[in-house]
Amino acid sequence: MDECLCTLVTKIMFKKMPQNSLDFKDNKAEFQRKILYVLKAIMEKPKWLTVFILGRFPLIRFVYTQLSQRSCNYPETSNTNIDSLFSNLDTTKVLKILKKDSVFVGLWLPENILKELQNYVKSHDCFAGGRVNLGFNISEKDKVDKIYKKPFYVARYFNVSRCCPAISKLVNDQKIRQIANQYIGTTAKYVGASLYWTFPIQGNPYDSDQQQFSYFHYDLDDYSSLRFCFYLSDVTVNSGPHICIRGSHTKKSIFHILNYFTRIQSEQKLVKFYGEEKLTWLIGKAGFGFIEDTFCFHKGMVPKSQPRLFLQLHFAANNYNRLEYHDDRTPNTLKSFKKL
């Protein structure tokens, strides 16, 4: 039923649209995938429909946050009195910068937490392309590539929120919670973790659908949402750095807002609109971290020489249990590639 409706919508839209009105005009399969994604999301969580329709308007997002803040009375807490892994982090400064720029750079994982996370990925399976039946240890990647002839771009770890103690420590850290609560404007819901590798590729990978994140886009997680991000491997210009456009969370053109077909935009157009100086390349050693408002334009570069290991902790005003952020998977559905 979903697929039939999706096909019908696609045919109607592409018949009606001007030839140059959509960047994905030459790729109906991609457009159809997006329509199907939205339909499924709405059917699973009908309340997300209002976010999809209205959540892209900065004014509505601002009003939502302000109203939420009025209904929540957070106790005044001094930075020095908070027990945290990030003892030197000034939360007042962080919030000020986030509201202005949409990104704060300056988090560093404690060495013991970094080591815990790195050891975790060495001893657990990741899943090629996010496919639950293609589990492999990172040391086995070459074997997986040979079997499938084409390389995989992404490999994701599942059930990390409940299976990885280091992630639990980060999620429950008092300063992380304080920043999330006060920025989002209400008691922030922890939505899930994204722990994954991105690999250097040439040509079209087996999981080309995962490459959408390598184009500039903004996310509609909720009316207000935040991500805490950490590099678990050294990231240079050649190993897939994250790039965001400062200030784009509050400033968007009417086309950015009303384009319900895609939130992906070309870098050339965005640079023309925002200015090259707003592009922020996030480069750093393993342990380097940053906080990002997911409504800003951002992307992850495709690595050229070295893979990138990346951790994101997602917080939002509401938890819509969207699969791309909710890392839980039923354990008996997770299979090794060796069992195929």
Protein backbone atom coordinates (compact mmCIF):
# COMPACT_ATOMS: atom_id res chain seq x y z
CA MET A 1 0.00 0.00 0.00
CA ASP A 2 2.77 2.43 0.95
CA GLU A 3 4.74 1.62 -2.20
CA CYS A 4 1.69 2.08 -4.47
CA LEU A 5 0.84 5.45 -2.93
CA CYS A 6 4.49 6.48 -3.14
CA THR A 7 4.65 5.58 -6.85
CA LEU A 8 1.45 7.53 -7.54
CA VAL A 9 2.72 10.64 -5.73
CA THR A 10 6.02 10.42 -7.60
CA LYS A 11 4.32 10.23 -11.00
CA ILE A 12 2.06 13.17 -10.23
CA MET A 13 4.83 15.39 -8.86
CA PHE A 14 7.28 14.74 -11.69
CA LYS A 15 4.56 15.33 -14.28
CA LYS A 16 3.55 18.66 -12.75
CA MET A 17 6.98 20.05 -11.87
CA PRO A 18 9.02 22.38 -14.10
CA GLN A 19 12.08 20.72 -15.61
CA ASN A 20 14.54 22.53 -13.37
CA SER A 21 12.55 22.73 -10.15
CA LEU A 22 14.14 19.84 -8.30
CA ASP A 23 17.74 18.73 -7.95
CA PHE A 24 16.63 15.10 -7.89
CA LYS A 25 14.69 15.42 -11.16
CA ASP A 26 17.09 12.99 -12.83
CA ASN A 27 16.73 10.44 -10.06
CA LYS A 28 13.13 9.37 -9.54
CA ALA A 29 14.19 6.41 -7.41
CA GLU A 30 15.75 8.77 -4.86
CA PHE A 31 12.68 10.96 -4.82
CA GLN A 32 10.43 7.91 -4.42
CA ARG A 33 12.58 6.68 -1.53
CA LYS A 34 12.11 9.99 0.24
CA ILE A 35 8.35 9.95 -0.24
CA LEU A 36 8.20 6.41 1.16
CA TYR A 37 10.35 7.43 4.13
CA VAL A 38 8.01 10.32 5.01
CA LEU A 39 4.89 8.16 4.63
CA LYS A 40 6.27 5.46 6.92
CA ALA A 41 7.42 8.00 9.50
CA ILE A 42 3.99 9.62 9.59
CA MET A 43 2.18 6.27 9.86
CA GLU A 44 4.40 5.16 12.75
CA LYS A 45 4.28 8.48 14.60
CA PRO A 46 1.41 10.70 13.36
CA LYS A 47 2.51 13.56 15.62
CA TRP A 48 5.69 13.87 13.56
CA LEU A 49 3.52 15.14 10.67
CA THR A 50 3.22 18.53 12.39
CA VAL A 51 7.01 18.66 12.74
CA PHE A 52 7.41 17.79 9.05
CA ILE A 53 4.99 20.55 8.02
CA LEU A 54 5.72 23.28 10.58
CA GLY A 55 9.06 22.38 12.17
CA ARG A 56 11.05 23.85 9.26
CA PHE A 57 9.90 27.41 10.09
CA PRO A 58 12.48 29.14 12.36
CA LEU A 59 9.82 31.37 13.93
CA ILE A 60 7.69 28.40 14.97
CA ARG A 61 10.75 26.64 16.37
CA PHE A 62 11.64 29.76 18.37
CA VAL A 63 8.11 30.13 19.77
CA TYR A 64 7.99 26.43 20.68
CA THR A 65 11.25 26.71 22.60
CA GLN A 66 10.18 29.89 24.40
CA LEU A 67 6.86 28.39 25.48
CA SER A 68 8.60 25.23 26.65
CA GLN A 69 11.09 27.22 28.71
CA ARG A 70 8.30 29.09 30.48
CA SER A 71 6.73 25.82 31.61
CA CYS A 72 10.02 24.44 32.95
CA ASN A 73 11.77 25.85 35.99
CA TYR A 74 15.32 24.57 36.13
CA PRO A 75 17.17 25.06 39.39
CA GLU A 76 20.05 27.51 39.26
CA THR A 77 23.17 25.34 39.23
CA SER A 78 26.70 26.62 39.28
CA ASN A 79 29.07 25.08 36.74
CA THR A 80 31.49 24.32 39.56
CA ASN A 81 28.92 22.28 41.48
CA ILE A 82 28.13 19.84 38.70
CA ASP A 83 29.70 16.39 38.75
CA SER A 84 30.72 15.87 35.13
CA LEU A 85 33.22 14.18 32.82
CA PHE A 86 33.69 17.65 31.33
CA SER A 87 34.74 19.50 34.47
CA ASN A 88 36.16 22.54 32.64
CA LEU A 89 33.15 23.06 30.40
CA ASP A 90 31.33 26.35 30.99
CA THR A 91 27.70 25.54 30.19
CA THR A 92 26.65 29.20 30.14
CA LYS A 93 29.24 29.93 27.47
CA VAL A 94 28.28 26.82 25.53
CA LEU A 95 24.60 27.80 25.41
CA LYS A 96 25.40 31.34 24.31
CA ILE A 97 27.56 30.14 21.42
CA LEU A 98 25.08 27.45 20.39
CA LYS A 99 22.21 29.92 20.17
CA LYS A 100 24.29 32.25 18.01
CA ASP A 101 26.24 29.84 15.80
CA SER A 102 24.35 26.51 16.00
CA VAL A 103 27.63 24.75 16.83
CA PHE A 104 29.96 24.71 19.82
CA VAL A 105 33.49 23.39 19.36
CA GLY A 106 35.54 22.48 22.40
CA LEU A 107 34.45 19.16 23.89
CA TRP A 108 37.14 16.59 24.64
CA LEU A 109 36.50 13.05 25.77
CA PRO A 110 38.40 11.97 28.88
CA GLU A 111 41.13 9.51 27.90
CA ASN A 112 39.56 6.61 29.80
CA ILE A 113 36.18 7.11 28.08
CA LEU A 114 37.85 7.32 24.67
CA LYS A 115 39.71 4.07 25.32
CA GLU A 116 36.52 2.35 26.49
CA LEU A 117 34.74 3.33 23.28
CA GLN A 118 37.65 2.30 21.05
CA ASN A 119 37.89 -1.07 22.80
CA TYR A 120 34.14 -1.55 22.44
CA VAL A 121 34.21 -1.20 18.65
CA LYS A 122 37.10 -3.66 18.41
CA SER A 123 35.17 -6.35 20.26
CA HIS A 124 31.68 -5.91 18.75
CA ASP A 125 30.24 -6.32 15.28
CA CYS A 126 29.31 -3.36 13.13
CA PHE A 127 26.81 -3.75 10.28
CA ALA A 128 27.65 -2.93 6.69
CA GLY A 129 25.34 -0.28 5.27
CA GLY A 130 23.27 -0.50 8.43
CA ARG A 131 21.95 -3.90 7.24
CA VAL A 132 21.17 -6.08 10.24
CA ASN A 133 22.21 -9.27 8.41
CA LEU A 134 25.69 -8.02 7.48
CA GLY A 135 27.49 -7.93 10.81
CA PHE A 136 31.28 -8.12 10.88
CA ASN A 137 34.21 -7.20 13.08
CA ILE A 138 36.03 -4.14 11.78
CA SER A 139 39.11 -6.32 11.25
CA GLU A 140 37.09 -8.30 8.67
CA LYS A 141 36.15 -5.41 6.41
CA ASP A 142 38.32 -6.50 3.48
CA LYS A 143 36.57 -9.88 3.45
CA VAL A 144 33.14 -8.24 3.29
CA ASP A 145 34.22 -5.95 0.43
CA LYS A 146 35.52 -8.90 -1.59
CA ILE A 147 32.30 -10.86 -1.17
CA TYR A 148 30.10 -8.00 -2.35
CA LYS A 149 32.46 -6.76 -5.07
CA LYS A 150 31.62 -3.15 -4.19
CA PRO A 151 32.82 -1.41 -1.02
CA PHE A 152 30.50 -0.32 1.75
CA TYR A 153 30.46 3.38 2.68
CA VAL A 154 29.03 3.01 6.21
CA ALA A 155 29.12 0.41 8.99
CA ARG A 156 26.92 0.97 12.04
CA TYR A 157 26.91 -0.41 15.59
CA PHE A 158 23.56 -1.27 17.16
CA ASN A 159 22.28 -1.49 20.76
CA VAL A 160 25.13 0.68 21.98
CA SER A 161 22.94 2.74 24.31
CA ARG A 162 22.34 -0.27 26.55
CA CYS A 163 25.43 -2.35 25.82
CA CYS A 164 28.24 0.19 25.98
CA PRO A 165 28.91 1.55 29.51
CA ALA A 166 30.95 4.48 28.19
CA ILE A 167 28.00 5.74 26.15
CA SER A 168 25.73 5.44 29.19
CA LYS A 169 28.16 7.58 31.16
CA LEU A 170 28.10 10.26 28.48
CA VAL A 171 24.32 10.22 28.06
CA ASN A 172 23.80 10.63 31.81
CA ASP A 173 26.53 13.20 32.33
CA GLN A 174 25.08 16.13 34.27
CA LYS A 175 26.57 18.86 32.07
CA ILE A 176 25.45 17.18 28.87
CA ARG A 177 21.96 16.89 30.31
CA GLN A 178 21.97 20.50 31.52
CA ILE A 179 23.02 21.83 28.11
CA ALA A 180 20.43 19.68 26.31
CA ASN A 181 17.62 20.69 28.68
CA GLN A 182 18.31 24.40 28.61
CA TYR A 183 18.94 24.62 24.87
CA ILE A 184 15.91 22.54 23.89
CA GLY A 185 13.75 24.34 26.44
CA THR A 186 12.27 21.36 28.22
CA THR A 187 13.45 18.11 29.76
CA ALA A 188 15.34 16.73 26.78
CA LYS A 189 14.57 13.20 25.64
CA TYR A 190 17.52 11.00 24.81
CA VAL A 191 16.62 9.65 21.37
CA GLY A 192 19.54 7.33 20.73
CA ALA A 193 23.15 7.02 19.65
CA SER A 194 24.77 6.77 16.24
CA LEU A 195 28.13 5.01 16.36
CA TYR A 196 29.51 4.25 12.93
CA TRP A 197 32.41 4.09 10.50
CA THR A 198 32.55 5.91 7.17
CA PHE A 199 35.06 4.52 4.69
CA PRO A 200 36.95 5.87 1.66
CA ILE A 201 35.18 4.77 -1.51
CA GLN A 202 35.58 5.03 -5.26
CA GLY A 203 32.58 4.89 -7.56
CA ASN A 204 29.19 3.78 -6.30
CA PRO A 205 29.27 1.80 -3.04
CA TYR A 206 26.98 -1.12 -2.25
CA ASP A 207 25.10 1.10 0.22
CA SER A 208 24.76 4.22 -1.95
CA ASP A 209 21.58 5.14 -0.04
CA GLN A 210 23.80 6.02 2.94
CA GLN A 211 25.60 8.72 0.95
CA GLN A 212 22.76 11.20 1.39
CA PHE A 213 24.50 12.33 4.59
CA SER A 214 27.53 13.44 2.55
CA TYR A 215 25.49 16.27 1.00
CA PHE A 216 24.57 19.48 2.78
CA HIS A 217 21.21 19.10 4.50
CA TYR A 218 19.39 20.03 7.70
CA ASP A 219 17.40 17.64 9.89
CA LEU A 220 13.83 17.81 11.12
CA ASP A 221 14.25 15.69 14.23
CA ASP A 222 11.85 17.87 16.21
CA TYR A 223 11.01 21.51 16.91
CA SER A 224 14.21 21.61 18.94
CA SER A 225 17.03 19.09 19.01
CA LEU A 226 20.73 18.80 19.72
CA ARG A 227 23.59 16.40 19.02
CA PHE A 228 26.73 15.78 21.02
CA CYS A 229 29.37 14.51 18.59
CA PHE A 230 32.78 12.91 19.10
CA TYR A 231 35.52 11.68 16.81
CA LEU A 232 36.86 8.32 17.97
CA SER A 233 39.59 8.32 15.33
CA ASP A 234 41.87 11.10 14.12
CA VAL A 235 40.03 13.20 11.54
CA THR A 236 41.87 15.31 8.96
CA VAL A 237 40.68 16.94 5.73
CA ASN A 238 41.21 13.55 4.08
CA SER A 239 39.29 11.36 6.53
CA GLY A 240 35.75 12.67 6.29
CA PRO A 241 35.46 15.76 8.49
CA HIS A 242 32.07 17.09 9.52
CA ILE A 243 31.20 20.49 8.05
CA CYS A 244 28.46 22.83 9.20
CA ILE A 245 27.27 26.31 8.28
CA ARG A 246 27.27 28.59 11.31
CA GLY A 247 24.06 30.52 11.88
CA SER A 248 22.02 28.51 9.38
CA HIS A 249 19.74 27.22 12.15
CA THR A 250 18.02 30.61 12.37
CA LYS A 251 18.54 31.91 8.84
CA LYS A 252 17.13 30.07 5.84
CA SER A 253 15.79 31.21 2.50
CA ILE A 254 12.10 30.67 1.77
CA PHE A 255 13.16 27.98 -0.72
CA HIS A 256 15.05 26.12 2.00
CA ILE A 257 11.94 26.19 4.18
CA LEU A 258 9.20 25.42 1.66
CA ASN A 259 11.04 22.76 -0.34
CA TYR A 260 9.19 19.72 0.99
CA PHE A 261 10.78 17.45 -1.62
CA THR A 262 14.31 17.54 -0.24
CA ARG A 263 16.31 19.30 2.45
CA ILE A 264 19.53 18.63 0.54
CA GLN A 265 21.12 21.71 -1.03
CA SER A 266 24.19 22.19 -3.20
CA GLU A 267 27.30 23.61 -1.55
CA GLN A 268 27.62 26.22 -4.27
CA LYS A 269 24.16 27.66 -3.58
CA LEU A 270 24.66 27.61 0.18
CA VAL A 271 28.04 29.37 -0.03
CA LYS A 272 26.42 32.03 -2.22
CA PHE A 273 23.61 32.52 0.31
CA TYR A 274 25.58 32.34 3.59
CA GLY A 275 29.12 33.28 2.57
CA GLU A 276 32.22 31.08 2.54
CA GLU A 277 33.27 32.34 5.98
CA LYS A 278 30.29 30.57 7.57
CA LEU A 279 31.52 27.12 6.57
CA THR A 280 33.14 25.42 9.56
CA TRP A 281 35.35 22.38 8.99
CA LEU A 282 35.59 20.30 12.15
CA ILE A 283 38.98 18.60 12.29
CA GLY A 284 40.63 17.04 15.32
CA LYS A 285 42.34 14.13 17.00
CA ALA A 286 40.50 11.16 18.47
CA GLY A 287 38.48 12.46 21.44
CA PHE A 288 37.64 15.79 19.79
CA GLY A 289 34.00 16.76 20.18
CA PHE A 290 31.40 19.37 19.34
CA ILE A 291 27.70 20.12 19.88
CA GLU A 292 25.38 20.91 16.98
CA ASP A 293 21.84 22.12 16.48
CA THR A 294 20.57 19.60 13.92
CA PHE A 295 18.55 22.28 12.11
CA CYS A 296 21.70 23.92 10.73
CA PHE A 297 23.02 22.88 7.32
CA HIS A 298 25.71 20.23 7.73
CA LYS A 299 27.29 17.21 6.08
CA GLY A 300 29.99 14.60 6.54
CA MET A 301 32.66 14.54 3.84
CA VAL A 302 33.40 11.21 2.18
CA PRO A 303 36.80 10.06 3.48
CA LYS A 304 39.59 10.12 0.90
CA SER A 305 42.31 8.11 2.59
CA GLN A 306 41.49 7.08 6.18
CA PRO A 307 38.15 5.87 7.65
CA ARG A 308 36.36 7.90 10.30
CA LEU A 309 34.85 6.52 13.51
CA PHE A 310 32.09 8.84 14.71
CA LEU A 311 29.76 8.95 17.73
CA GLN A 312 26.62 11.07 17.96
CA LEU A 313 24.29 11.33 20.95
CA HIS A 314 20.84 12.60 19.96
CA PHE A 315 18.56 14.67 22.20
CA ALA A 316 15.21 16.23 21.31
CA ALA A 317 12.07 17.72 22.85
CA ASN A 318 10.18 14.54 21.93
CA ASN A 319 11.19 11.00 21.10
CA TYR A 320 9.51 9.89 17.89
CA ASN A 321 11.52 6.64 17.87
CA ARG A 322 12.76 7.27 14.35
CA LEU A 323 14.92 4.34 13.30
CA GLU A 324 17.92 6.36 12.11
CA TYR A 325 18.49 7.73 15.63
CA HIS A 326 17.12 4.91 17.76
CA ASP A 327 20.01 2.43 17.91
CA ASP A 328 18.06 -0.45 19.47
CA ARG A 329 17.61 -3.54 17.30
CA THR A 330 16.13 -6.88 18.31
CA PRO A 331 19.21 -9.00 19.10
CA ASN A 332 18.04 -12.13 17.27
CA THR A 333 17.69 -10.13 14.03
CA LEU A 334 21.38 -9.22 14.04
CA LYS A 335 23.30 -11.68 11.87
CA SER A 336 26.90 -12.09 10.81
CA PHE A 337 27.79 -11.97 7.10
CA LYS A 338 29.40 -15.39 7.63
CA LYS A 339 25.97 -16.97 8.10
CA LEU A 340 24.65 -15.93 4.69
